[in-house]
Amino acid sequence: MSRSSDRLFPAALVARIVGRRGQLHLTKAIDPRRTALAVIDMQIAFTAPAQASETPSARAVIPAINRLSRALREAGGHVAFSQGTFSDAPDGGWPGFFRRMVDPATAARIVAGLRPGAPGHALDPGLVVEPRDLVFPKCRYSAFARDASPLEPWLIERGVTTLIVAGTITNVCCESTARDAMQLGYDTIMAADANAARDPAAHDATLATFIEFFGDVLTVDEILAFIAASRAAA
């Protein structure tokens, strides 16, 4: 069955994937009660203009994230929001990034926006966050990196087997989290139009690599249709 997300990928890539596994998409159904949405780093530091970590396209995906989180909650699923969180130290507690990947002035600006209590550390006020959602700190690209966040035990406690990834930046923290989720055994879906990158080409390349080697890529409408079908069948 053709899906709107099929058009996200070049025909040659689709043919290669279908030739390898007999199908493009892996998702046949979604059990909301065993599904979680991980919303990655949708903080003011990324969504507001003139911030050190500004990702302009992140502002545009907030409505899609809200649609997805609302539908999943209503169907008995789970929603978690990460916050990139670093210490006041010059290396932010992550010397591998702040001492090696950026210059000292840039590191200081990023750390200033992503330390607890800073205005940029807060989630974007346009996001709908409910009391039962998990809001958690994350100190590496991947929420599943060693000691990076409390996400994994939270998922295990709730019996989650499917993880949907949304947020920013598509090709950095979102991709890192989604790849690690797959390697830990989760059925993982990247929501194509609920992820945001600074570079459209990087966004597209991440989705192409992910669907070929790591998991599924679906639009928000497609995910909502699976959730609705599950509720109708219950």
C-alpha atoms as a PDB file:
ATOM      1  CA  MET A   1       0.000   0.000   0.000  1.00  0.00           C
ATOM      2  CA  SER A   2       1.377   3.370  -1.027  1.00  0.00           C
ATOM      3  CA  ARG A   3       1.771   5.970   1.713  1.00  0.00           C
ATOM      4  CA  SER A   4       2.413   9.679   1.553  1.00  0.00           C
ATOM      5  CA  SER A   5       5.775   9.148   3.241  1.00  0.00           C
ATOM      6  CA  ASP A   6       6.880   7.055   0.244  1.00  0.00           C
ATOM      7  CA  ARG A   7       7.380  10.305  -1.660  1.00  0.00           C
ATOM      8  CA  LEU A   8      10.057  11.414   0.804  1.00  0.00           C
ATOM      9  CA  PHE A   9      12.573   9.006  -0.700  1.00  0.00           C
ATOM     10  CA  PRO A  10      14.236   8.682  -4.114  1.00  0.00           C
ATOM     11  CA  ALA A  11      12.916   5.872  -6.272  1.00  0.00           C
ATOM     12  CA  ALA A  12      16.331   4.188  -6.351  1.00  0.00           C
ATOM     13  CA  LEU A  13      16.450   4.078  -2.551  1.00  0.00           C
ATOM     14  CA  VAL A  14      12.926   2.674  -2.334  1.00  0.00           C
ATOM     15  CA  ALA A  15      13.789  -0.017  -4.874  1.00  0.00           C
ATOM     16  CA  ARG A  16      16.934  -0.959  -2.970  1.00  0.00           C
ATOM     17  CA  ILE A  17      15.093  -1.231   0.348  1.00  0.00           C
ATOM     18  CA  VAL A  18      12.212  -3.230  -1.130  1.00  0.00           C
ATOM     19  CA  GLY A  19      14.695  -5.511  -2.851  1.00  0.00           C
ATOM     20  CA  ARG A  20      16.453  -6.120   0.437  1.00  0.00           C
ATOM     21  CA  ARG A  21      13.483  -6.771   2.730  1.00  0.00           C
ATOM     22  CA  GLY A  22      10.421  -6.940   0.484  1.00  0.00           C
ATOM     23  CA  GLN A  23       8.795  -3.768   1.781  1.00  0.00           C
ATOM     24  CA  LEU A  24       9.602  -0.125   2.430  1.00  0.00           C
ATOM     25  CA  HIS A  25       7.733   0.443   5.680  1.00  0.00           C
ATOM     26  CA  LEU A  26       8.030  -1.778   8.727  1.00  0.00           C
ATOM     27  CA  THR A  27       5.049  -0.535  10.726  1.00  0.00           C
ATOM     28  CA  LYS A  28       1.887  -2.619  10.392  1.00  0.00           C
ATOM     29  CA  ALA A  29       0.141  -1.487  13.579  1.00  0.00           C
ATOM     30  CA  ILE A  30       0.806   0.629  16.659  1.00  0.00           C
ATOM     31  CA  ASP A  31      -0.274  -0.387  20.151  1.00  0.00           C
ATOM     32  CA  PRO A  32      -0.531   3.019  21.867  1.00  0.00           C
ATOM     33  CA  ARG A  33      -0.301   1.555  25.357  1.00  0.00           C
ATOM     34  CA  ARG A  34       3.154   0.202  24.543  1.00  0.00           C
ATOM     35  CA  THR A  35       4.269   3.246  22.578  1.00  0.00           C
ATOM     36  CA  ALA A  36       6.082   6.377  23.683  1.00  0.00           C
ATOM     37  CA  LEU A  37       6.803   9.643  21.919  1.00  0.00           C
ATOM     38  CA  ALA A  38      10.235  11.100  22.695  1.00  0.00           C
ATOM     39  CA  VAL A  39      10.257  14.826  21.941  1.00  0.00           C
ATOM     40  CA  ILE A  40      13.895  15.821  21.742  1.00  0.00           C
ATOM     41  CA  ASP A  41      15.264  19.204  22.882  1.00  0.00           C
ATOM     42  CA  MET A  42      12.360  21.443  21.852  1.00  0.00           C
ATOM     43  CA  GLN A  43      13.683  24.191  24.107  1.00  0.00           C
ATOM     44  CA  ILE A  44      13.728  27.934  23.751  1.00  0.00           C
ATOM     45  CA  ALA A  45      17.483  27.692  23.099  1.00  0.00           C
ATOM     46  CA  PHE A  46      16.603  25.898  19.852  1.00  0.00           C
ATOM     47  CA  THR A  47      13.266  27.445  18.919  1.00  0.00           C
ATOM     48  CA  ALA A  48      13.709  31.155  19.668  1.00  0.00           C
ATOM     49  CA  PRO A  49      15.458  33.582  17.296  1.00  0.00           C
ATOM     50  CA  ALA A  50      19.029  34.692  17.956  1.00  0.00           C
ATOM     51  CA  GLN A  51      19.834  31.836  20.333  1.00  0.00           C
ATOM     52  CA  ALA A  52      23.202  30.077  20.139  1.00  0.00           C
ATOM     53  CA  SER A  53      21.470  26.806  19.254  1.00  0.00           C
ATOM     54  CA  GLU A  54      18.681  28.299  17.130  1.00  0.00           C
ATOM     55  CA  THR A  55      17.104  25.893  14.648  1.00  0.00           C
ATOM     56  CA  PRO A  56      14.526  28.026  12.805  1.00  0.00           C
ATOM     57  CA  SER A  57      12.578  25.104  11.347  1.00  0.00           C
ATOM     58  CA  ALA A  58      11.951  23.764  14.873  1.00  0.00           C
ATOM     59  CA  ARG A  59       9.310  26.442  15.395  1.00  0.00           C
ATOM     60  CA  ALA A  60       7.280  25.055  12.513  1.00  0.00           C
ATOM     61  CA  VAL A  61       7.002  21.494  13.887  1.00  0.00           C
ATOM     62  CA  ILE A  62       5.455  22.446  17.246  1.00  0.00           C
ATOM     63  CA  PRO A  63       1.835  21.982  16.020  1.00  0.00           C
ATOM     64  CA  ALA A  64       2.676  18.555  14.599  1.00  0.00           C
ATOM     65  CA  ILE A  65       4.294  17.488  17.874  1.00  0.00           C
ATOM     66  CA  ASN A  66       1.243  18.658  19.799  1.00  0.00           C
ATOM     67  CA  ARG A  67      -1.109  16.708  17.510  1.00  0.00           C
ATOM     68  CA  LEU A  68       0.939  13.565  17.937  1.00  0.00           C
ATOM     69  CA  SER A  69       1.361  13.859  21.698  1.00  0.00           C
ATOM     70  CA  ARG A  70      -2.338  14.557  22.236  1.00  0.00           C
ATOM     71  CA  ALA A  71      -3.463  11.554  20.177  1.00  0.00           C
ATOM     72  CA  LEU A  72      -1.005   9.223  21.874  1.00  0.00           C
ATOM     73  CA  ARG A  73      -2.006  10.334  25.374  1.00  0.00           C
ATOM     74  CA  GLU A  74      -5.706   9.950  24.582  1.00  0.00           C
ATOM     75  CA  ALA A  75      -5.039   6.392  23.392  1.00  0.00           C
ATOM     76  CA  GLY A  76      -3.167   5.439  26.565  1.00  0.00           C
ATOM     77  CA  GLY A  77       0.368   6.047  25.313  1.00  0.00           C
ATOM     78  CA  HIS A  78       3.294   7.879  26.845  1.00  0.00           C
ATOM     79  CA  VAL A  79       5.060  11.176  26.099  1.00  0.00           C
ATOM     80  CA  ALA A  80       8.511  12.337  27.180  1.00  0.00           C
ATOM     81  CA  PHE A  81      10.298  15.644  26.572  1.00  0.00           C
ATOM     82  CA  SER A  82      14.070  15.903  26.785  1.00  0.00           C
ATOM     83  CA  GLN A  83      15.931  19.064  27.732  1.00  0.00           C
ATOM     84  CA  GLY A  84      19.530  19.433  26.674  1.00  0.00           C
ATOM     85  CA  THR A  85      21.166  20.181  30.025  1.00  0.00           C
ATOM     86  CA  PHE A  86      24.756  21.144  30.764  1.00  0.00           C
ATOM     87  CA  SER A  87      26.709  22.400  33.769  1.00  0.00           C
ATOM     88  CA  ASP A  88      28.153  25.872  34.353  1.00  0.00           C
ATOM     89  CA  ALA A  89      31.674  24.552  33.785  1.00  0.00           C
ATOM     90  CA  PRO A  90      33.440  25.896  30.668  1.00  0.00           C
ATOM     91  CA  ASP A  91      33.228  22.441  29.097  1.00  0.00           C
ATOM     92  CA  GLY A  92      29.565  22.063  30.134  1.00  0.00           C
ATOM     93  CA  GLY A  93      30.393  18.684  31.646  1.00  0.00           C
ATOM     94  CA  TRP A  94      30.972  17.321  28.134  1.00  0.00           C
ATOM     95  CA  PRO A  95      34.544  18.112  27.050  1.00  0.00           C
ATOM     96  CA  GLY A  96      34.243  15.873  24.000  1.00  0.00           C
ATOM     97  CA  PHE A  97      31.896  18.443  22.506  1.00  0.00           C
ATOM     98  CA  PHE A  98      32.529  21.773  24.192  1.00  0.00           C
ATOM     99  CA  ARG A  99      36.355  21.578  24.066  1.00  0.00           C
ATOM    100  CA  ARG A 100      36.743  19.844  20.725  1.00  0.00           C
ATOM    101  CA  MET A 101      33.796  20.606  18.444  1.00  0.00           C
ATOM    102  CA  VAL A 102      33.276  24.346  19.008  1.00  0.00           C
ATOM    103  CA  ASP A 103      35.452  27.306  19.937  1.00  0.00           C
ATOM    104  CA  PRO A 104      35.426  28.622  23.532  1.00  0.00           C
ATOM    105  CA  ALA A 105      33.171  31.598  22.794  1.00  0.00           C
ATOM    106  CA  THR A 106      30.578  29.405  21.068  1.00  0.00           C
ATOM    107  CA  ALA A 107      30.799  26.839  23.864  1.00  0.00           C
ATOM    108  CA  ALA A 108      30.114  29.542  26.446  1.00  0.00           C
ATOM    109  CA  ARG A 109      27.039  30.755  24.549  1.00  0.00           C
ATOM    110  CA  ILE A 110      25.619  27.250  24.163  1.00  0.00           C
ATOM    111  CA  VAL A 111      26.229  26.361  27.808  1.00  0.00           C
ATOM    112  CA  ALA A 112      24.678  29.645  28.942  1.00  0.00           C
ATOM    113  CA  GLY A 113      21.479  28.785  27.102  1.00  0.00           C
ATOM    114  CA  LEU A 114      21.250  25.166  28.200  1.00  0.00           C
ATOM    115  CA  ARG A 115      22.110  25.235  31.876  1.00  0.00           C
ATOM    116  CA  PRO A 116      19.269  24.649  34.375  1.00  0.00           C
ATOM    117  CA  GLY A 117      17.450  27.862  35.210  1.00  0.00           C
ATOM    118  CA  ALA A 118      18.489  29.687  32.041  1.00  0.00           C
ATOM    119  CA  PRO A 119      15.597  31.017  29.918  1.00  0.00           C
ATOM    120  CA  GLY A 120      16.773  28.976  26.944  1.00  0.00           C
ATOM    121  CA  HIS A 121      16.696  25.743  28.938  1.00  0.00           C
ATOM    122  CA  ALA A 122      12.887  25.794  29.213  1.00  0.00           C
ATOM    123  CA  LEU A 123      10.679  23.920  26.782  1.00  0.00           C
ATOM    124  CA  ASP A 124       9.083  26.085  24.123  1.00  0.00           C
ATOM    125  CA  PRO A 125       5.862  27.523  25.590  1.00  0.00           C
ATOM    126  CA  GLY A 126       3.942  26.447  22.489  1.00  0.00           C
ATOM    127  CA  LEU A 127       4.343  22.790  23.433  1.00  0.00           C
ATOM    128  CA  VAL A 128       1.492  21.122  25.287  1.00  0.00           C
ATOM    129  CA  VAL A 129       3.002  19.278  28.245  1.00  0.00           C
ATOM    130  CA  GLU A 130       0.773  17.322  30.611  1.00  0.00           C
ATOM    131  CA  PRO A 131       1.547  16.511  34.292  1.00  0.00           C
ATOM    132  CA  ARG A 132       1.943  12.805  33.595  1.00  0.00           C
ATOM    133  CA  ASP A 133       4.528  13.368  30.844  1.00  0.00           C
ATOM    134  CA  LEU A 134       8.197  12.850  31.601  1.00  0.00           C
ATOM    135  CA  VAL A 135      10.334  15.981  31.299  1.00  0.00           C
ATOM    136  CA  PHE A 136      13.945  14.929  31.663  1.00  0.00           C
ATOM    137  CA  PRO A 137      17.499  16.277  31.359  1.00  0.00           C
ATOM    138  CA  LYS A 138      19.796  14.950  28.646  1.00  0.00           C
ATOM    139  CA  CYS A 139      23.535  15.647  28.581  1.00  0.00           C
ATOM    140  CA  ARG A 140      24.573  13.889  25.347  1.00  0.00           C
ATOM    141  CA  TYR A 141      23.247  13.721  21.803  1.00  0.00           C
ATOM    142  CA  SER A 142      21.497  10.413  22.459  1.00  0.00           C
ATOM    143  CA  ALA A 143      19.075  10.002  25.334  1.00  0.00           C
ATOM    144  CA  PHE A 144      20.332   6.415  25.543  1.00  0.00           C
ATOM    145  CA  ALA A 145      24.034   7.222  25.898  1.00  0.00           C
ATOM    146  CA  ARG A 146      25.612   6.025  29.133  1.00  0.00           C
ATOM    147  CA  ASP A 147      24.360   8.146  32.052  1.00  0.00           C
ATOM    148  CA  ALA A 148      22.877  10.664  29.601  1.00  0.00           C
ATOM    149  CA  SER A 149      19.266  10.613  30.795  1.00  0.00           C
ATOM    150  CA  PRO A 150      16.628   8.673  32.762  1.00  0.00           C
ATOM    151  CA  LEU A 151      14.591   7.860  29.648  1.00  0.00           C
ATOM    152  CA  GLU A 152      15.364   4.152  29.307  1.00  0.00           C
ATOM    153  CA  PRO A 153      14.266   3.037  32.801  1.00  0.00           C
ATOM    154  CA  TRP A 154      11.110   5.129  32.410  1.00  0.00           C
ATOM    155  CA  LEU A 155      10.291   3.290  29.163  1.00  0.00           C
ATOM    156  CA  ILE A 156      11.037  -0.105  30.690  1.00  0.00           C
ATOM    157  CA  GLU A 157       8.799   0.602  33.683  1.00  0.00           C
ATOM    158  CA  ARG A 158       5.889   1.300  31.309  1.00  0.00           C
ATOM    159  CA  GLY A 159       6.451  -1.697  29.068  1.00  0.00           C
ATOM    160  CA  VAL A 160       7.168   0.430  26.016  1.00  0.00           C
ATOM    161  CA  THR A 161       8.250  -1.470  22.904  1.00  0.00           C
ATOM    162  CA  THR A 162       7.728   1.203  20.219  1.00  0.00           C
ATOM    163  CA  LEU A 163       9.419   4.602  20.306  1.00  0.00           C
ATOM    164  CA  ILE A 164       8.435   7.526  18.099  1.00  0.00           C
ATOM    165  CA  VAL A 165      11.081  10.243  17.851  1.00  0.00           C
ATOM    166  CA  ALA A 166      10.347  13.902  17.129  1.00  0.00           C
ATOM    167  CA  GLY A 167      12.018  17.223  17.860  1.00  0.00           C
ATOM    168  CA  THR A 168      15.325  18.819  16.966  1.00  0.00           C
ATOM    169  CA  ILE A 169      17.936  18.503  15.561  1.00  0.00           C
ATOM    170  CA  THR A 170      16.897  15.749  13.125  1.00  0.00           C
ATOM    171  CA  ASN A 171      20.410  14.708  12.165  1.00  0.00           C
ATOM    172  CA  VAL A 172      21.995  15.135  15.596  1.00  0.00           C
ATOM    173  CA  CYS A 173      20.126  14.410  18.847  1.00  0.00           C
ATOM    174  CA  CYS A 174      17.010  12.970  17.207  1.00  0.00           C
ATOM    175  CA  GLU A 175      18.954  10.652  14.945  1.00  0.00           C
ATOM    176  CA  SER A 176      21.339   9.613  17.722  1.00  0.00           C
ATOM    177  CA  THR A 177      18.452   8.796  20.057  1.00  0.00           C
ATOM    178  CA  ALA A 178      16.499   6.934  17.376  1.00  0.00           C
ATOM    179  CA  ARG A 179      19.466   4.859  16.238  1.00  0.00           C
ATOM    180  CA  ASP A 180      20.307   3.843  19.791  1.00  0.00           C
ATOM    181  CA  ALA A 181      16.675   2.989  20.492  1.00  0.00           C
ATOM    182  CA  MET A 182      16.664   0.549  17.579  1.00  0.00           C
ATOM    183  CA  GLN A 183      19.907  -1.032  18.760  1.00  0.00           C
ATOM    184  CA  LEU A 184      18.390  -1.494  22.218  1.00  0.00           C
ATOM    185  CA  GLY A 185      15.479  -3.425  20.729  1.00  0.00           C
ATOM    186  CA  TYR A 186      12.742  -0.804  20.328  1.00  0.00           C
ATOM    187  CA  ASP A 187      10.630  -0.650  17.186  1.00  0.00           C
ATOM    188  CA  THR A 188      11.553   2.908  16.293  1.00  0.00           C
ATOM    189  CA  ILE A 189       9.775   5.447  14.101  1.00  0.00           C
ATOM    190  CA  MET A 190      11.029   8.886  13.110  1.00  0.00           C
ATOM    191  CA  ALA A 191       8.125  11.275  12.507  1.00  0.00           C
ATOM    192  CA  ALA A 192       9.216  12.920   9.265  1.00  0.00           C
ATOM    193  CA  ASP A 193       7.301  16.176   9.627  1.00  0.00           C
ATOM    194  CA  ALA A 194       7.756  16.482  13.400  1.00  0.00           C
ATOM    195  CA  ASN A 195      11.562  16.586  13.246  1.00  0.00           C
ATOM    196  CA  ALA A 196      13.518  19.729  12.391  1.00  0.00           C
ATOM    197  CA  ALA A 197      17.049  20.373  11.161  1.00  0.00           C
ATOM    198  CA  ARG A 198      19.057  23.445  10.208  1.00  0.00           C
ATOM    199  CA  ASP A 199      19.784  21.996   6.785  1.00  0.00           C
ATOM    200  CA  PRO A 200      16.971  20.412   4.702  1.00  0.00           C
ATOM    201  CA  ALA A 201      19.474  18.167   2.934  1.00  0.00           C
ATOM    202  CA  ALA A 202      20.749  16.834   6.257  1.00  0.00           C
ATOM    203  CA  HIS A 203      17.156  16.230   7.402  1.00  0.00           C
ATOM    204  CA  ASP A 204      16.390  14.249   4.246  1.00  0.00           C
ATOM    205  CA  ALA A 205      19.638  12.289   4.409  1.00  0.00           C
ATOM    206  CA  THR A 206      18.954  11.272   8.012  1.00  0.00           C
ATOM    207  CA  LEU A 207      15.469  10.011   7.180  1.00  0.00           C
ATOM    208  CA  ALA A 208      16.803   8.088   4.172  1.00  0.00           C
ATOM    209  CA  THR A 209      19.528   6.375   6.192  1.00  0.00           C
ATOM    210  CA  PHE A 210      17.172   5.653   9.050  1.00  0.00           C
ATOM    211  CA  ILE A 211      14.502   3.915   6.961  1.00  0.00           C
ATOM    212  CA  GLU A 212      17.114   1.830   5.187  1.00  0.00           C
ATOM    213  CA  PHE A 213      19.011   0.588   8.234  1.00  0.00           C
ATOM    214  CA  PHE A 214      17.327   1.456  11.536  1.00  0.00           C
ATOM    215  CA  GLY A 215      13.541   1.713  11.567  1.00  0.00           C
ATOM    216  CA  ASP A 216      10.526   3.325   9.982  1.00  0.00           C
ATOM    217  CA  VAL A 217       9.861   6.864   8.812  1.00  0.00           C
ATOM    218  CA  LEU A 218       6.226   8.000   8.752  1.00  0.00           C
ATOM    219  CA  THR A 219       4.380  11.287   8.577  1.00  0.00           C
ATOM    220  CA  VAL A 220       2.405  12.480  11.583  1.00  0.00           C
ATOM    221  CA  ASP A 221      -0.847  11.807   9.711  1.00  0.00           C
ATOM    222  CA  GLU A 222       0.218   8.226   9.070  1.00  0.00           C
ATOM    223  CA  ILE A 223       1.094   7.668  12.720  1.00  0.00           C
ATOM    224  CA  LEU A 224      -2.222   9.188  13.794  1.00  0.00           C
ATOM    225  CA  ALA A 225      -4.035   6.818  11.432  1.00  0.00           C
ATOM    226  CA  PHE A 226      -2.356   3.821  13.079  1.00  0.00           C
ATOM    227  CA  ILE A 227      -3.318   5.130  16.523  1.00  0.00           C
ATOM    228  CA  ALA A 228      -6.920   5.688  15.410  1.00  0.00           C
ATOM    229  CA  ALA A 229      -7.088   2.185  13.929  1.00  0.00           C
ATOM    230  CA  SER A 230      -5.880   0.691  17.192  1.00  0.00           C
ATOM    231  CA  ARG A 231      -8.530   2.565  19.159  1.00  0.00           C
ATOM    232  CA  ALA A 232     -11.249   1.522  16.723  1.00  0.00           C
ATOM    233  CA  ALA A 233     -10.256  -2.120  17.052  1.00  0.00           C
ATOM    234  CA  ALA A 234     -10.182  -2.075  20.845  1.00  0.00           C
END
